[in-house]
Amino acid sequence: MKNRHPVYLRTVTLSKGICLALSGFLVSASVSMSAFAQDAWKKIDAGITAELRGLSVVNRHVAWASGAKGTVIRTVDGENWQNVSISLKLPEASQLDFRDIQGIDKFTAIAMSAGPGKASTIYKTIDGGATWELMIVNGEASGFWDAIDFWDAKNGVIFGDPIAGQFQVLITNDGGKTWKNAAADLTQLTALPNEGAFAASGTCVSVTGKNDVWFATGGADKTRVFHSADRGQNWTFSETAVAAGAPPKGLFSVAFNHEGLGFAVGGDYQKAKGDGLNAVISRDKGKTWIAAPALPLGFLSVVVTVPGQAKTFVVGGLAGSGVTRNGGQSWEVLSETPLNAMGFADALHGWAVGPKGLVMKYAGKRLISE
């Protein structure tokens, strides 16, 4: 969303059903917090101070992260991180904020910067960050890219804020060299007044399988999740109960597993510990959504699946991080440390990134589904 730090001026009243759900949730949250004894994350000194928002976990050894001032870092041993920033090779990139990154392997990654018009770019490396090549610049002066995701090394998607009232969704089938409009009918991507997305964690757009893609929105009177089952050619959408109605409010992230179970999370990024509904769940690939308050209470900017675990989802944000191992029936707080993005290779190996160069490695118990 173009306006990243608006002043929140409006109070939204939750529906009776949501209030009841949150009322019961506050009790369980209190119990879980009293039992919480040890942070599940281990902080790692990556040698940088830039804000990190993009993260892509390739496997238990390889991960890439990106952020402000042209920053990109990577690990190839699961412990030590190397500074392979685009700005080190191309000084002009020091003005760019790389809000998302897609790691293909330990040598190949595609980084996306977010910003108005030409500040939205795609860069690619095929030699572990030794060199970077500019792939594409947003040609729409009013455009603003929010996130990318890839089905495989060749096929991916860019999702951006509305242009002339319609969300921008571009696809590539050559590893990011060329991009084109995905939708056969752009009117299917028509935005509501003031509707946009959040370049907060690189996860407001998400893909699974060979063809499915979702994106989540905020800012308008309603929050919505859009879904395409054919790589963006055709779209449907559903409304959710997470409150919006102001620029800092709405859905910030969406994730689905291969069985069609998914969560979308968000809140108000100006209220890290706010008490509004912060998560919804869908069991039908996004056709319908119901309230599913998540722990920790407060603003959540990211939700991710854990590969190999059908019912395990991990959430995080300025409120901290938490996990459900049973598809949202119960939640456990993992940490109160604020973060921006996270990702997992399996039930034991994952990373998180956040403010001031924060990098953390998962050090908790196995995230095995119940």
Protein backbone atom coordinates (compact mmCIF):
# COMPACT_ATOMS: atom_id res chain seq x y z
CA MET A 1 0.00 0.00 0.00
CA LYS A 2 1.43 3.33 -1.04
CA ASN A 3 0.94 5.20 2.25
CA ARG A 4 3.03 3.17 4.64
CA HIS A 5 2.65 5.21 7.83
CA PRO A 6 -0.76 6.90 7.94
CA VAL A 7 -2.35 8.24 11.11
CA TYR A 8 -5.10 5.97 12.38
CA LEU A 9 -8.22 8.02 13.06
CA ARG A 10 -11.15 5.63 12.94
CA THR A 11 -12.51 3.11 15.45
CA VAL A 12 -14.01 -0.07 14.02
CA THR A 13 -16.61 -1.99 16.02
CA LEU A 14 -16.32 -5.76 15.75
CA SER A 15 -19.37 -7.88 15.14
CA LYS A 16 -20.91 -9.74 18.07
CA GLY A 17 -19.62 -13.08 16.85
CA ILE A 18 -16.07 -11.83 16.57
CA CYS A 19 -16.20 -10.18 19.98
CA LEU A 20 -17.34 -13.44 21.54
CA ALA A 21 -14.55 -15.32 19.81
CA LEU A 22 -12.00 -12.81 21.05
CA SER A 23 -13.45 -12.89 24.57
CA GLY A 24 -12.91 -16.63 24.83
CA PHE A 25 -9.53 -16.28 23.16
CA LEU A 26 -8.25 -13.87 25.81
CA VAL A 27 -8.60 -16.57 28.43
CA SER A 28 -6.63 -19.14 26.44
CA ALA A 29 -4.01 -16.51 25.62
CA SER A 30 -3.47 -15.84 29.32
CA VAL A 31 -2.94 -19.53 30.03
CA SER A 32 -0.52 -19.96 27.12
CA MET A 33 1.54 -16.93 28.13
CA SER A 34 1.87 -18.12 31.72
CA ALA A 35 3.21 -21.43 30.43
CA PHE A 36 5.60 -19.76 28.01
CA ALA A 37 9.12 -20.02 29.43
CA GLN A 38 11.73 -19.89 26.68
CA ASP A 39 12.04 -17.96 23.44
CA ALA A 40 11.82 -20.37 20.49
CA TRP A 41 14.15 -18.23 18.37
CA LYS A 42 17.93 -17.77 18.58
CA LYS A 43 19.22 -14.39 17.46
CA ILE A 44 22.05 -14.41 14.91
CA ASP A 45 24.40 -11.51 14.19
CA ALA A 46 24.26 -11.05 10.42
CA GLY A 47 26.40 -7.91 10.54
CA ILE A 48 23.79 -5.50 9.18
CA THR A 49 21.40 -2.91 10.62
CA ALA A 50 18.93 -2.37 7.76
CA GLU A 51 15.27 -3.26 8.23
CA LEU A 52 14.62 -6.73 6.78
CA ARG A 53 11.22 -7.69 5.38
CA GLY A 54 11.87 -10.25 2.66
CA LEU A 55 12.78 -13.87 3.44
CA SER A 56 12.92 -17.01 1.33
CA VAL A 57 13.88 -20.38 2.79
CA VAL A 58 15.15 -22.78 0.12
CA ASN A 59 16.09 -25.70 2.38
CA ARG A 60 17.54 -26.35 5.84
CA HIS A 61 20.89 -24.87 4.79
CA VAL A 62 20.02 -22.14 2.28
CA ALA A 63 17.98 -18.98 2.84
CA TRP A 64 17.92 -15.45 1.45
CA ALA A 65 16.72 -12.21 3.11
CA SER A 66 16.26 -8.67 1.82
CA GLY A 67 15.45 -5.19 3.04
CA ALA A 68 16.09 -1.47 3.01
CA LYS A 69 19.05 0.31 1.40
CA GLY A 70 19.53 -2.34 -1.27
CA THR A 71 20.26 -5.02 1.34
CA VAL A 72 20.41 -8.74 0.56
CA ILE A 73 21.96 -11.43 2.77
CA ARG A 74 22.13 -15.20 2.43
CA THR A 75 23.18 -18.31 4.33
CA VAL A 76 24.40 -21.51 2.68
CA ASP A 77 25.20 -23.44 5.86
CA GLY A 78 22.16 -22.63 7.97
CA GLU A 79 24.16 -20.59 10.47
CA ASN A 80 26.37 -17.90 8.97
CA TRP A 81 25.01 -15.07 6.84
CA GLN A 82 26.86 -13.26 4.07
CA ASN A 83 26.25 -9.71 2.93
CA VAL A 84 25.57 -9.96 -0.82
CA SER A 85 23.65 -6.68 -1.06
CA ILE A 86 22.70 -5.33 -4.46
CA SER A 87 23.89 -1.91 -3.31
CA LEU A 88 27.44 -3.25 -2.94
CA LYS A 89 27.56 -3.94 -6.68
CA LEU A 90 25.15 -1.28 -7.95
CA PRO A 91 25.27 1.90 -5.82
CA GLU A 92 22.00 3.19 -7.28
CA ALA A 93 20.22 0.30 -5.55
CA SER A 94 21.06 1.79 -2.14
CA GLN A 95 17.92 3.91 -2.51
CA LEU A 96 15.70 0.86 -3.02
CA ASP A 97 13.76 -1.05 -0.37
CA PHE A 98 13.72 -4.75 -1.19
CA ARG A 99 10.55 -5.91 0.54
CA ASP A 100 10.58 -9.42 -0.93
CA ILE A 101 12.96 -12.04 -2.29
CA GLN A 102 12.61 -15.47 -3.87
CA GLY A 103 15.49 -17.88 -3.41
CA ILE A 104 15.74 -20.59 -6.06
CA ASP A 105 18.95 -22.25 -4.85
CA LYS A 106 22.17 -21.13 -3.14
CA PHE A 107 23.29 -19.29 -6.30
CA THR A 108 20.02 -17.93 -7.68
CA ALA A 109 17.62 -15.39 -6.18
CA ILE A 110 15.12 -12.80 -7.42
CA ALA A 111 14.68 -9.65 -5.32
CA MET A 112 11.77 -7.18 -5.51
CA SER A 113 11.89 -3.58 -4.33
CA ALA A 114 8.70 -1.78 -3.35
CA GLY A 115 7.91 1.85 -3.97
CA PRO A 116 6.04 4.24 -6.23
CA GLY A 117 6.58 3.80 -9.96
CA LYS A 118 10.23 3.21 -10.84
CA ALA A 119 11.10 2.43 -7.21
CA SER A 120 9.44 -0.95 -7.82
CA THR A 121 12.04 -3.18 -9.48
CA ILE A 122 13.15 -6.78 -9.94
CA TYR A 123 16.83 -7.80 -9.73
CA LYS A 124 18.27 -11.29 -10.18
CA THR A 125 21.52 -13.05 -9.31
CA ILE A 126 22.70 -16.41 -10.61
CA ASP A 127 26.10 -16.42 -8.89
CA GLY A 128 25.27 -16.13 -5.21
CA GLY A 129 25.10 -12.33 -5.20
CA ALA A 130 28.49 -11.72 -6.79
CA THR A 131 26.61 -9.87 -9.54
CA TRP A 132 23.04 -8.63 -9.91
CA GLU A 133 21.08 -7.88 -13.08
CA LEU A 134 18.10 -5.53 -13.34
CA MET A 135 15.21 -7.51 -14.84
CA ILE A 136 12.31 -5.07 -14.91
CA VAL A 137 11.17 -1.67 -13.60
CA ASN A 138 7.53 -0.90 -12.91
CA GLY A 139 6.41 1.01 -15.98
CA GLU A 140 3.30 2.39 -14.28
CA ALA A 141 3.96 5.74 -12.58
CA SER A 142 1.06 5.11 -10.18
CA GLY A 143 2.06 1.50 -9.53
CA PHE A 144 3.48 0.06 -6.32
CA TRP A 145 4.61 -3.55 -6.10
CA ASP A 146 3.95 -5.35 -2.80
CA ALA A 147 5.20 -8.94 -3.12
CA ILE A 148 6.36 -11.77 -5.37
CA ASP A 149 6.11 -15.55 -5.22
CA PHE A 150 7.17 -18.40 -7.49
CA TRP A 151 5.68 -21.80 -8.28
CA ASP A 152 9.10 -22.96 -9.53
CA ALA A 153 12.34 -21.56 -10.90
CA LYS A 154 10.69 -20.28 -14.08
CA ASN A 155 7.12 -19.38 -13.15
CA GLY A 156 6.28 -16.57 -10.76
CA VAL A 157 3.95 -13.69 -9.95
CA ILE A 158 4.21 -10.01 -8.97
CA PHE A 159 1.35 -8.47 -7.03
CA GLY A 160 0.91 -4.70 -6.75
CA ASP A 161 -1.48 -1.95 -5.67
CA PRO A 162 -4.28 -0.85 -8.01
CA ILE A 163 -3.58 1.02 -11.23
CA ALA A 164 -6.63 2.85 -12.61
CA GLY A 165 -8.74 0.97 -10.05
CA GLN A 166 -7.46 -2.54 -10.77
CA PHE A 167 -4.84 -4.58 -8.89
CA GLN A 168 -1.64 -5.20 -10.81
CA VAL A 169 -0.83 -8.90 -11.21
CA LEU A 170 2.03 -9.86 -13.52
CA ILE A 171 3.40 -13.30 -14.32
CA THR A 172 6.68 -14.62 -15.70
CA ASN A 173 7.50 -17.98 -17.26
CA ASP A 174 11.19 -17.36 -17.88
CA GLY A 175 12.57 -16.84 -14.39
CA GLY A 176 11.84 -13.13 -14.19
CA LYS A 177 13.28 -11.87 -17.49
CA THR A 178 9.89 -10.87 -18.90
CA TRP A 179 6.52 -10.19 -17.29
CA LYS A 180 2.97 -9.74 -18.58
CA ASN A 181 -0.51 -9.12 -17.20
CA ALA A 182 -1.87 -12.34 -15.76
CA ALA A 183 -5.62 -11.77 -15.94
CA ALA A 184 -7.60 -12.42 -19.10
CA ASP A 185 -10.20 -9.95 -17.81
CA LEU A 186 -8.73 -7.12 -15.72
CA THR A 187 -12.15 -6.18 -14.36
CA GLN A 188 -11.90 -9.28 -12.15
CA LEU A 189 -9.16 -7.40 -10.28
CA THR A 190 -11.21 -4.26 -9.62
CA ALA A 191 -10.35 -2.71 -6.23
CA LEU A 192 -12.69 -1.11 -3.73
CA PRO A 193 -12.21 2.57 -2.85
CA ASN A 194 -9.00 2.93 -0.77
CA GLU A 195 -8.20 -0.79 -1.13
CA GLY A 196 -4.58 -1.84 -1.42
CA ALA A 197 -2.02 -4.26 -0.07
CA PHE A 198 0.90 -4.18 2.36
CA ALA A 199 4.54 -4.70 1.41
CA ALA A 200 5.23 -5.79 4.96
CA SER A 201 6.55 -9.35 4.73
CA GLY A 202 6.48 -10.45 1.11
CA THR A 203 3.52 -12.69 1.87
CA CYS A 204 0.42 -10.72 0.85
CA VAL A 205 0.62 -12.90 -2.26
CA SER A 206 1.10 -16.66 -1.99
CA VAL A 207 1.21 -19.62 -4.39
CA THR A 208 0.86 -23.38 -3.93
CA GLY A 209 0.96 -26.40 -6.19
CA LYS A 210 1.29 -25.73 -9.90
CA ASN A 211 -1.43 -23.11 -10.48
CA ASP A 212 -3.03 -21.67 -7.31
CA VAL A 213 -2.35 -18.10 -6.20
CA TRP A 214 -3.96 -15.88 -3.55
CA PHE A 215 -3.55 -12.26 -2.46
CA ALA A 216 -4.89 -10.38 0.56
CA THR A 217 -5.99 -6.75 0.89
CA GLY A 218 -6.70 -3.98 3.38
CA GLY A 219 -7.43 -0.28 3.72
CA ALA A 220 -10.99 -0.39 2.31
CA ASP A 221 -14.26 -0.89 4.16
CA LYS A 222 -13.83 -4.67 3.71
CA THR A 223 -10.86 -7.00 3.78
CA ARG A 224 -10.73 -9.46 0.92
CA VAL A 225 -8.78 -12.47 -0.31
CA PHE A 226 -8.56 -13.07 -4.07
CA HIS A 227 -7.89 -16.52 -5.54
CA SER A 228 -6.95 -17.84 -8.96
CA ALA A 229 -6.70 -21.54 -9.80
CA ASP A 230 -5.07 -20.97 -13.20
CA ARG A 231 -2.00 -18.83 -12.50
CA GLY A 232 -3.87 -15.56 -12.46
CA GLN A 233 -5.94 -15.78 -15.62
CA ASN A 234 -9.27 -15.83 -13.77
CA TRP A 235 -10.08 -14.56 -10.27
CA THR A 236 -12.69 -14.81 -7.55
CA PHE A 237 -12.69 -13.10 -4.15
CA SER A 238 -14.18 -13.49 -0.68
CA GLU A 239 -14.64 -10.99 2.14
CA THR A 240 -13.28 -11.67 5.64
CA ALA A 241 -14.11 -10.49 9.15
CA VAL A 242 -10.73 -8.85 9.84
CA ALA A 243 -11.38 -5.12 10.19
CA ALA A 244 -10.08 -2.55 7.75
CA GLY A 245 -11.58 0.91 7.09
CA ALA A 246 -8.29 2.82 7.44
CA PRO A 247 -4.89 2.75 5.66
CA PRO A 248 -2.97 0.87 8.40
CA LYS A 249 -5.59 -1.86 8.83
CA GLY A 250 -6.42 -5.06 7.05
CA LEU A 251 -4.95 -8.37 5.93
CA PHE A 252 -1.17 -8.45 5.54
CA SER A 253 -0.45 -12.10 4.71
CA VAL A 254 -2.06 -15.27 3.37
CA ALA A 255 -0.86 -18.88 3.21
CA PHE A 256 -2.40 -22.18 2.11
CA ASN A 257 -1.26 -25.77 2.24
CA HIS A 258 -1.79 -28.27 -0.57
CA GLU A 259 -5.02 -29.54 1.00
CA GLY A 260 -6.81 -26.20 0.69
CA LEU A 261 -6.45 -25.20 4.36
CA GLY A 262 -5.29 -21.62 4.79
CA PHE A 263 -5.00 -18.61 7.06
CA ALA A 264 -4.93 -14.88 6.44
CA VAL A 265 -3.60 -12.57 9.17
CA GLY A 266 -3.28 -8.87 9.85
CA GLY A 267 -4.64 -6.17 12.11
CA ASP A 268 -3.50 -2.59 12.65
CA TYR A 269 0.25 -2.10 12.24
CA GLN A 270 0.09 1.01 14.42
CA LYS A 271 -1.18 -1.11 17.33
CA ALA A 272 1.26 -3.95 17.90
CA LYS A 273 -0.72 -5.26 20.88
CA GLY A 274 -4.18 -4.34 19.67
CA ASP A 275 -7.11 -6.56 20.60
CA GLY A 276 -8.95 -6.74 17.27
CA LEU A 277 -9.38 -9.93 15.25
CA ASN A 278 -5.98 -10.82 13.77
CA ALA A 279 -6.63 -14.04 11.81
CA VAL A 280 -9.21 -15.89 9.73
CA ILE A 281 -9.24 -19.46 8.43
CA SER A 282 -10.49 -21.08 5.22
CA ARG A 283 -10.92 -24.79 4.64
CA ASP A 284 -12.04 -24.53 1.02
CA LYS A 285 -9.18 -22.76 -0.77
CA GLY A 286 -10.48 -19.33 0.16
CA LYS A 287 -14.12 -19.57 -0.89
CA THR A 288 -15.24 -18.86 2.68
CA TRP A 289 -13.49 -17.47 5.77
CA ILE A 290 -14.32 -17.59 9.47
CA ALA A 291 -12.79 -15.84 12.49
CA ALA A 292 -9.84 -17.75 13.98
CA PRO A 293 -8.02 -15.47 16.45
CA ALA A 294 -4.33 -16.32 16.66
CA LEU A 295 -1.69 -16.07 19.36
CA PRO A 296 0.04 -13.82 20.10
CA LEU A 297 -2.68 -11.21 20.43
CA GLY A 298 -2.04 -8.16 18.31
CA PHE A 299 -0.76 -7.22 14.88
CA LEU A 300 0.51 -10.04 12.65
CA SER A 301 2.29 -9.38 9.36
CA VAL A 302 3.06 -12.94 8.27
CA VAL A 303 1.62 -16.45 8.24
CA VAL A 304 3.49 -19.42 6.74
CA THR A 305 3.03 -23.14 6.36
CA VAL A 306 5.55 -25.68 7.63
CA PRO A 307 6.49 -28.09 4.80
CA GLY A 308 5.40 -31.65 5.50
CA GLN A 309 2.99 -30.64 8.28
CA ALA A 310 -0.61 -30.43 7.07
CA LYS A 311 -2.07 -28.64 10.11
CA THR A 312 0.87 -26.51 11.27
CA PHE A 313 0.93 -22.77 10.57
CA VAL A 314 3.26 -20.20 12.12
CA VAL A 315 2.33 -16.53 12.49
CA GLY A 316 4.40 -13.50 13.38
CA GLY A 317 4.54 -9.72 13.50
CA LEU A 318 5.14 -6.84 15.85
CA ALA A 319 3.13 -8.79 18.45
CA GLY A 320 5.64 -11.67 18.40
CA SER A 321 5.19 -15.16 16.96
CA GLY A 322 3.00 -18.19 17.54
CA VAL A 323 2.06 -21.57 16.13
CA THR A 324 -0.94 -23.81 15.67
CA ARG A 325 -0.31 -27.53 15.16
CA ASN A 326 -3.96 -28.46 14.70
CA GLY A 327 -5.31 -26.13 12.04
CA GLY A 328 -6.23 -23.27 14.37
CA GLN A 329 -7.98 -25.16 17.16
CA SER A 330 -5.33 -23.95 19.61
CA TRP A 331 -2.28 -21.68 19.54
CA GLU A 332 1.04 -21.51 21.37
CA VAL A 333 3.17 -18.38 21.74
CA LEU A 334 6.70 -18.93 20.46
CA SER A 335 8.19 -15.54 21.27
CA GLU A 336 7.36 -11.94 22.10
CA THR A 337 10.19 -10.63 19.89
CA PRO A 338 8.78 -8.38 17.14
CA LEU A 339 9.52 -9.61 13.60
CA ASN A 340 8.52 -8.91 10.02
CA ALA A 341 8.83 -12.16 8.08
CA MET A 342 9.62 -15.85 8.56
CA GLY A 343 9.92 -19.12 6.70
CA PHE A 344 10.52 -22.82 7.35
CA ALA A 345 12.29 -25.62 5.51
CA ASP A 346 10.71 -28.32 7.68
CA ALA A 347 9.36 -28.85 11.19
CA LEU A 348 12.69 -28.02 12.83
CA HIS A 349 14.50 -25.58 10.56
CA GLY A 350 13.36 -22.01 9.98
CA TRP A 351 14.37 -18.36 10.15
CA ALA A 352 12.79 -14.99 10.88
CA VAL A 353 13.85 -11.42 10.08
CA GLY A 354 12.83 -8.03 11.34
CA PRO A 355 13.75 -4.51 12.43
CA LYS A 356 17.33 -3.21 12.63
CA GLY A 357 18.87 -6.17 10.84
CA LEU A 358 17.22 -8.76 13.07
CA VAL A 359 17.89 -12.35 12.00
CA MET A 360 16.72 -15.32 14.08
CA LYS A 361 16.98 -19.07 13.66
CA TYR A 362 14.25 -21.35 14.94
CA ALA A 363 15.47 -23.14 18.07
CA GLY A 364 12.22 -24.55 19.47
CA LYS A 365 10.71 -28.01 19.45
CA ARG A 366 9.60 -29.73 16.28
CA LEU A 367 6.51 -28.14 14.77
CA ILE A 368 4.77 -31.44 14.07
CA SER A 369 1.04 -31.42 13.35
CA GLU A 370 -1.23 -33.05 15.89
